Amino acid sequence: MLFANNALAQTTPQKTANTAKPNIVVMIADDLTYSDLGCWGNKDVKTPNLDRLAAQGMRLTSCYTTAPVCSPTRQALYTGLYPVRSGAYPNHAIVKPGVKSLPHYLKPLGYRVGLVGKQHYGPAENFPFEYPGQDGGAEDEENENAEKDLNYGAAEQFINRDKKQPYLLVVAAHEPHSPWNKGDASVYKPADLKLPPYLVDTPLTRRALSNYYGEVTYLDQQVGRVMDFVDKSGQADNTLFLFVSEQGSSLPHGKWTLYDVGIRSATIARWPAKIKAGSTSNALCQYIDFLPTFMEMGGGKADTNIDGRSILKVLTGESTKARDYVFAEETSRGIIAGPEAYGIRAVADDRWKYILNLNSDAEFMNTETRTPRFQSWVKKGETDAFAREQAQRYKVRPAVELYDLQNDPFEMKNIADQPDQKANLTRLRSALDGWMKQQGDEGVKTEMEAKEHQGSGQAKRRAGAGAGANRPNRQRANANAN
């Protein structure tokens, strides 16, 4: 069965600590395109710490998020559920009553489970993390100072607090989310940068890429600092350090889209006792697979209540395959400066990507389409065919898109209308339809109900949803907010 799971269930709490169980550190970036790291082949951007992490561990080159915006992505990672099934499918969403997350599953296995940094989930009772260094579990999300947003002291203390009890710590950075005002952009001279093929070459695009790369390097420094905490703890050999890049940046064709620069993740796993240094796996996997993987590492048992499946054998090199397909969805209803509705669904195998635009008769819009940067594309398009095409296809898309990821990794040529692709279209559409049915996803109807699943919408329907249901987020105040 396509949807069979080998997720892992809770077990009864242990009376004595099992020091053989591995520790787990999950570090998640904020709006980082997978291809914008040195270890992923980007020769411009400087990411020495992430490059070092990759050299010491495994790059998962075919790992995908489940959505291209922050809140659904993070809640899928923590719950092991795809967004529509959990209820957290639009941005700024909260999960349905009864949905469990990492603390519910790992604490009964003897773990202490903490989170430092960005949250962006809710309601609070569904995510009962320990919040080291935070008063009452609520971070100061209005504070723009990274030293306070990411409490390094609290992270280090949590890692070293009790060497006899295994831990899982999520370190959730705020970078490189726009407005890209951290780090040293002067290192990246706009005129010297090589633009990826999906971006239109204008001065404003180059300046934005320079600022963004500066903040990517700033993030890399934070990764290095947390790596050092683990290395100095004396437990590095039996600690899984997992880095995930979240979804892509807010530059066009990334975040808010289901192209690979929107949903493919730069994922690196280091676990010296189990993972071969300098290794690479191209096994298809998704963020929902990490929760059951952690549980198997901690001695959990098989369950079928979540969508994820353990990829532990992929990490240890015992298997080269995890999934036949990966799936993702984008709900644009309810995003800042977004359209009335623009729902997108996608399925991909190890070569082909099928994208279904549920509202293809509408025009896509968001905060990016309002920026001077994007308007510079439109202006250049008056005399430049490529600029005109790229600006247009960001806003207006056909009902169906098909891409050959092997020969067209940046999805520049839609081949859905080619006669020799009928078999691929039929196969992938069947897989997508089956997944949507299993998830309870009714397409346009589900899209139109999106606002009921956002924090404010559910708060109106569910009295007592909890203080975390619609907690303010510092990015919302930015011009390019989530």
Foldseek 3Di string as FASTA:
>chain_A
DQQFAFFFAADAADPFADLLQFAEEEEEAAAAFQCLAVCNPFPQFDQVLVNVLQQQFEWQQQEWFFALHDQQRVVLLFQLARCLLQLNAAFLFEGDPPGAGLCVRCVRLQAQEAEAADDRYDDCVRPVHDYFPDVPNDAPQQDPDQCRRQVLVRLLCVLQVDSRTHYYYYGYGHPDAPPLPDADLVSRDLVPHDDPPLDDDDPVVSSSVSSRSRRVNVVSVVSNSSVVSLVVSVRQQRYKYKYKHRWHYPDFPTRLDPASSRIGIGITIHRNNAGHRNHYAHANAYSSQVSSQSSVSSPGGTDRPHRYHHPVCVRRVNDRYDHQKRKHKGWQCPAAFWDVTWIKIWMDGSWKIKIFTLPLVFWTDHLNCVDVSLVVLVVVVVPDVSSVVSSVCSTHPDRMFMDGCVVCVRRPDGCPPPPVCPVVVVVGVVVRVVVCVVSVNPRPVSSNCSVCRRLVNVCVVDPPRHPRSNDDHNQVPDSRRD
